[in-house]
């Protein structure tokens, strides 16, 4: 399938590793021109997306370098304290998760809006994909900040879709369950990987394929929604049958 992404300018935040890196490679494979934004000093475009001045500057610089922006993919995220009950979570940890996961996505899109509107007016190609999580829809013990932040990302996506839809800019979310990334391995103490575990785990490349599809003009009728990628786990009732 031709996703009609050749030559499009795509910004990927958090693109130095994990899902972000997989997204960057997937867009490049479709012929897109990709700008990776990450707070890693080695990133091509280094910025902390939770900082408005840095985010504005890097978005404007990318648009200047590439002649605009067609797609923004917000992958920058942190887990925060995993395995800590909400009653024991410190405000500083709570704020850190919200700053990166929610404010970071908001700021990246906010400052890309003028360029996305131009892309939308030029044929409906303006598109945003936010990386949420199945944790936006189902909660796990000891992950209150992360769950709350990803729930906020889903609703941010809906609100942005409503605001930007008239300008030809679509906004959608992808909500994967466990993905084999360095962050999830560290969070779950799976340094050697997820081989042989008793639950399904997806790859970053599989998530990236969903992101690329949603971002592409092929998905032009899909707007303001979240794609849950969890092997059907949320569809199964937890009610005891025995």
Protein backbone atom coordinates (compact mmCIF):
# COMPACT_ATOMS: atom_id res chain seq x y z
CA UNK A 1 0.00 0.00 0.00
CA UNK A 2 1.26 3.46 -0.91
CA UNK A 3 0.77 5.57 2.23
CA UNK A 4 1.55 8.77 0.29
CA UNK A 5 4.15 9.96 2.80
CA UNK A 6 7.06 10.43 0.42
CA UNK A 7 8.56 13.88 0.87
CA UNK A 8 6.39 14.73 3.89
CA UNK A 9 8.15 16.42 6.81
CA UNK A 10 7.66 14.42 10.01
CA UNK A 11 8.71 15.51 13.50
CA UNK A 12 9.12 12.69 16.04
CA UNK A 13 9.63 13.68 19.67
CA UNK A 14 11.36 11.17 21.90
CA UNK A 15 12.79 9.71 18.72
CA UNK A 16 16.22 8.67 19.98
CA UNK A 17 15.12 5.26 21.28
CA UNK A 18 12.25 2.84 21.76
CA UNK A 19 8.95 3.50 19.97
CA UNK A 20 10.12 6.92 18.83
CA UNK A 21 13.17 5.52 17.07
CA UNK A 22 11.05 2.81 15.44
CA UNK A 23 8.60 5.47 14.23
CA UNK A 24 11.42 7.54 12.75
CA UNK A 25 12.71 4.53 10.82
CA UNK A 26 9.22 3.57 9.63
CA UNK A 27 8.57 7.04 8.26
CA UNK A 28 11.95 7.10 6.54
CA UNK A 29 11.09 3.78 4.91
CA UNK A 30 8.02 5.49 3.43
CA UNK A 31 10.19 8.24 1.96
CA UNK A 32 9.36 10.90 4.55
CA UNK A 33 11.85 13.51 5.73
CA UNK A 34 12.18 12.92 9.46
CA UNK A 35 13.37 15.27 12.20
CA UNK A 36 14.06 13.49 15.49
CA UNK A 37 13.65 15.63 18.61
CA UNK A 38 15.00 14.27 21.88
CA UNK A 39 16.57 15.60 25.06
CA UNK A 40 19.51 13.25 24.46
CA UNK A 41 22.44 15.56 23.61
CA UNK A 42 23.27 13.30 20.68
CA UNK A 43 19.91 13.87 19.01
CA UNK A 44 19.84 15.71 15.71
CA UNK A 45 17.41 18.19 17.23
CA UNK A 46 18.04 18.39 20.97
CA UNK A 47 15.27 19.83 23.16
CA UNK A 48 13.37 19.13 26.35
CA UNK A 49 9.75 19.11 25.18
CA UNK A 50 8.50 20.00 28.67
CA UNK A 51 10.21 23.39 28.26
CA UNK A 52 8.15 25.77 26.13
CA UNK A 53 11.00 27.98 24.95
CA UNK A 54 13.07 24.99 23.83
CA UNK A 55 10.09 23.35 22.14
CA UNK A 56 9.08 26.49 20.27
CA UNK A 57 12.66 27.05 19.12
CA UNK A 58 13.21 23.51 17.86
CA UNK A 59 9.85 23.33 16.04
CA UNK A 60 10.49 26.66 14.31
CA UNK A 61 14.04 25.60 13.43
CA UNK A 62 12.85 22.32 11.90
CA UNK A 63 10.15 24.09 9.90
CA UNK A 64 12.74 26.57 8.67
CA UNK A 65 15.17 23.82 7.70
CA UNK A 66 12.61 21.63 5.91
CA UNK A 67 10.22 24.27 4.60
CA UNK A 68 7.32 23.31 6.86
CA UNK A 69 5.93 20.45 8.94
CA UNK A 70 3.30 17.95 7.80
CA UNK A 71 3.19 15.44 10.65
CA UNK A 72 3.99 15.54 14.36
CA UNK A 73 4.40 12.30 16.33
CA UNK A 74 4.68 12.73 20.10
CA UNK A 75 6.57 9.78 21.58
CA UNK A 76 8.51 11.54 24.33
CA UNK A 77 7.49 10.01 27.63
CA UNK A 78 8.61 8.71 31.00
CA UNK A 79 7.09 6.13 33.32
CA UNK A 80 7.73 7.81 36.64
CA UNK A 81 7.60 5.74 39.82
CA UNK A 82 6.50 2.20 38.91
CA UNK A 83 5.32 -0.01 41.75
CA UNK A 84 4.59 2.94 44.05
CA UNK A 85 1.07 3.27 45.44
CA UNK A 86 -0.61 6.61 44.78
CA UNK A 87 -0.53 7.43 48.48
CA UNK A 88 3.26 7.22 48.40
CA UNK A 89 3.91 9.17 45.19
CA UNK A 90 5.74 12.44 45.74
CA UNK A 91 4.47 15.63 44.11
CA UNK A 92 7.80 16.12 42.36
CA UNK A 93 7.52 12.68 40.71
CA UNK A 94 3.89 13.35 39.77
CA UNK A 95 4.75 16.69 38.20
CA UNK A 96 7.71 15.23 36.29
CA UNK A 97 5.51 12.62 34.59
CA UNK A 98 2.83 15.16 33.71
CA UNK A 99 5.43 17.63 32.42
CA UNK A 100 6.91 15.23 29.88
CA UNK A 101 3.95 13.06 28.94
CA UNK A 102 1.20 15.68 28.80
CA UNK A 103 2.74 19.15 28.67
CA UNK A 104 5.39 17.91 26.24
CA UNK A 105 2.79 16.63 23.78
CA UNK A 106 0.73 19.78 24.16
CA UNK A 107 3.68 22.09 23.55
CA UNK A 108 4.97 20.17 20.53
CA UNK A 109 1.58 20.33 18.84
CA UNK A 110 0.85 23.89 19.95
CA UNK A 111 3.97 25.27 18.32
CA UNK A 112 3.60 23.11 15.21
CA UNK A 113 0.01 24.25 14.61
CA UNK A 114 0.83 27.10 12.18
CA UNK A 115 2.82 24.68 10.00
CA UNK A 116 0.27 21.86 10.32
CA UNK A 117 -2.49 24.24 9.24
CA UNK A 118 -0.55 25.06 6.10
CA UNK A 119 -0.14 21.35 5.41
CA UNK A 120 -3.85 20.81 6.04
CA UNK A 121 -4.84 23.63 3.73
CA UNK A 122 -2.56 22.17 1.08
CA UNK A 123 -4.55 18.96 0.72
CA UNK A 124 -5.52 17.68 4.13
CA UNK A 125 -2.08 16.24 4.90
CA UNK A 126 -1.61 17.78 8.34
CA UNK A 127 -1.59 15.05 10.96
CA UNK A 128 -0.67 14.41 14.61
CA UNK A 129 -0.27 11.08 16.37
CA UNK A 130 0.11 11.00 20.15
CA UNK A 131 1.57 7.96 21.88
CA UNK A 132 -0.72 7.09 24.76
CA UNK A 133 -1.02 3.62 26.30
CA UNK A 134 -3.53 0.97 27.28
CA UNK A 135 -2.85 2.44 30.74
CA UNK A 136 -5.09 5.31 29.63
CA UNK A 137 -8.00 2.85 29.69
CA UNK A 138 -7.11 0.19 32.26
CA UNK A 139 -5.10 0.77 35.42
CA UNK A 140 -2.25 -1.21 36.92
CA UNK A 141 -1.33 -1.08 40.59
CA UNK A 142 1.50 1.29 41.42
CA UNK A 143 1.31 3.37 38.23
CA UNK A 144 -1.05 6.23 39.09
CA UNK A 145 1.02 9.08 37.58
CA UNK A 146 1.63 7.20 34.33
CA UNK A 147 -2.00 6.07 33.99
CA UNK A 148 -3.30 9.57 34.70
CA UNK A 149 -0.89 11.12 32.22
CA UNK A 150 -1.82 8.74 29.42
CA UNK A 151 -5.52 9.27 30.09
CA UNK A 152 -4.85 12.98 29.72
CA UNK A 153 -3.03 12.36 26.43
CA UNK A 154 -6.06 10.55 25.00
CA UNK A 155 -8.38 13.43 25.90
CA UNK A 156 -5.82 15.95 24.66
CA UNK A 157 -5.92 14.16 21.33
CA UNK A 158 -9.71 14.40 21.15
CA UNK A 159 -9.68 18.08 22.08
CA UNK A 160 -6.99 18.86 19.51
CA UNK A 161 -8.93 16.96 16.85
CA UNK A 162 -11.96 19.13 17.54
CA UNK A 163 -9.91 22.34 17.50
CA UNK A 164 -7.86 21.54 14.41
CA UNK A 165 -10.30 19.49 12.34
CA UNK A 166 -11.69 22.54 10.51
CA UNK A 167 -8.12 23.31 9.37
CA UNK A 168 -7.67 19.90 7.79
CA UNK A 169 -5.43 18.63 10.61
CA UNK A 170 -6.18 15.20 12.07
CA UNK A 171 -5.17 14.10 15.59
CA UNK A 172 -5.23 10.50 16.81
CA UNK A 173 -3.69 8.39 19.58
CA UNK A 174 -2.15 4.94 19.68
CA UNK A 175 -2.59 3.02 22.94
CA UNK A 176 -0.26 0.01 23.05
CA UNK A 177 0.03 -2.45 25.89
CA UNK A 178 3.50 -3.70 26.87
CA UNK A 179 6.08 -2.91 24.21
CA UNK A 180 9.58 -4.35 24.24
CA UNK A 181 11.61 -1.17 24.72
CA UNK A 182 14.52 -0.22 26.98
CA UNK A 183 12.11 1.74 29.20
CA UNK A 184 9.67 -1.14 29.70
CA UNK A 185 12.51 -3.60 30.30
CA UNK A 186 13.88 -1.33 33.02
CA UNK A 187 10.46 -0.69 34.56
CA UNK A 188 9.61 -4.38 34.75
CA UNK A 189 13.04 -5.72 35.63
CA UNK A 190 13.31 -7.59 32.34
CA UNK A 191 16.88 -6.73 31.43
CA UNK A 192 17.23 -9.75 29.15
CA UNK A 193 13.95 -9.15 27.36
CA UNK A 194 10.48 -10.66 27.47
CA UNK A 195 11.26 -14.06 26.00
CA UNK A 196 9.10 -16.76 27.59
CA UNK A 197 6.85 -14.52 29.67
CA UNK A 198 3.26 -15.60 30.07
CA UNK A 199 1.66 -12.56 28.42
CA UNK A 200 1.78 -11.00 24.96
CA UNK A 201 4.37 -8.31 24.22
CA UNK A 202 4.57 -6.27 21.03
CA UNK A 203 7.59 -4.80 19.32
CA UNK A 204 8.31 -1.12 18.79
CA UNK A 205 8.19 -1.76 15.04
CA UNK A 206 4.62 -3.07 15.33
CA UNK A 207 3.53 0.10 17.14
CA UNK A 208 5.36 2.25 14.59
CA UNK A 209 3.41 0.63 11.75
CA UNK A 210 0.15 1.77 13.39
CA UNK A 211 1.50 5.28 13.88
CA UNK A 212 2.59 5.59 10.26
CA UNK A 213 -0.80 4.43 9.01
CA UNK A 214 -2.73 6.88 11.21
CA UNK A 215 -0.43 9.73 10.19
CA UNK A 216 -0.80 9.02 6.49
CA UNK A 217 -3.35 10.51 4.07
CA UNK A 218 -4.68 6.97 3.61
CA UNK A 219 -6.31 7.34 7.05
CA UNK A 220 -7.88 10.72 6.20
CA UNK A 221 -11.28 9.73 7.63
CA UNK A 222 -9.81 8.71 11.00
CA UNK A 223 -9.76 11.61 13.44
CA UNK A 224 -10.14 12.16 17.17
CA UNK A 225 -9.89 8.52 18.14
CA UNK A 226 -7.54 6.13 19.94
CA UNK A 227 -6.33 2.85 18.53
CA UNK A 228 -5.98 0.26 21.29
CA UNK A 229 -3.24 -2.25 20.51
CA UNK A 230 -3.37 -4.79 23.35
CA UNK A 231 -4.01 -8.24 21.86
CA UNK A 232 -7.65 -7.95 22.96
CA UNK A 233 -6.76 -7.95 26.65
CA UNK A 234 -9.10 -5.09 27.56
CA UNK A 235 -11.99 -6.87 25.85
CA UNK A 236 -11.82 -9.76 28.29
CA UNK A 237 -13.86 -9.57 31.47
CA UNK A 238 -12.00 -10.02 34.74
CA UNK A 239 -15.12 -11.40 36.38
CA UNK A 240 -14.38 -14.80 37.97
CA UNK A 241 -16.27 -17.56 36.14
CA UNK A 242 -15.39 -20.47 38.45
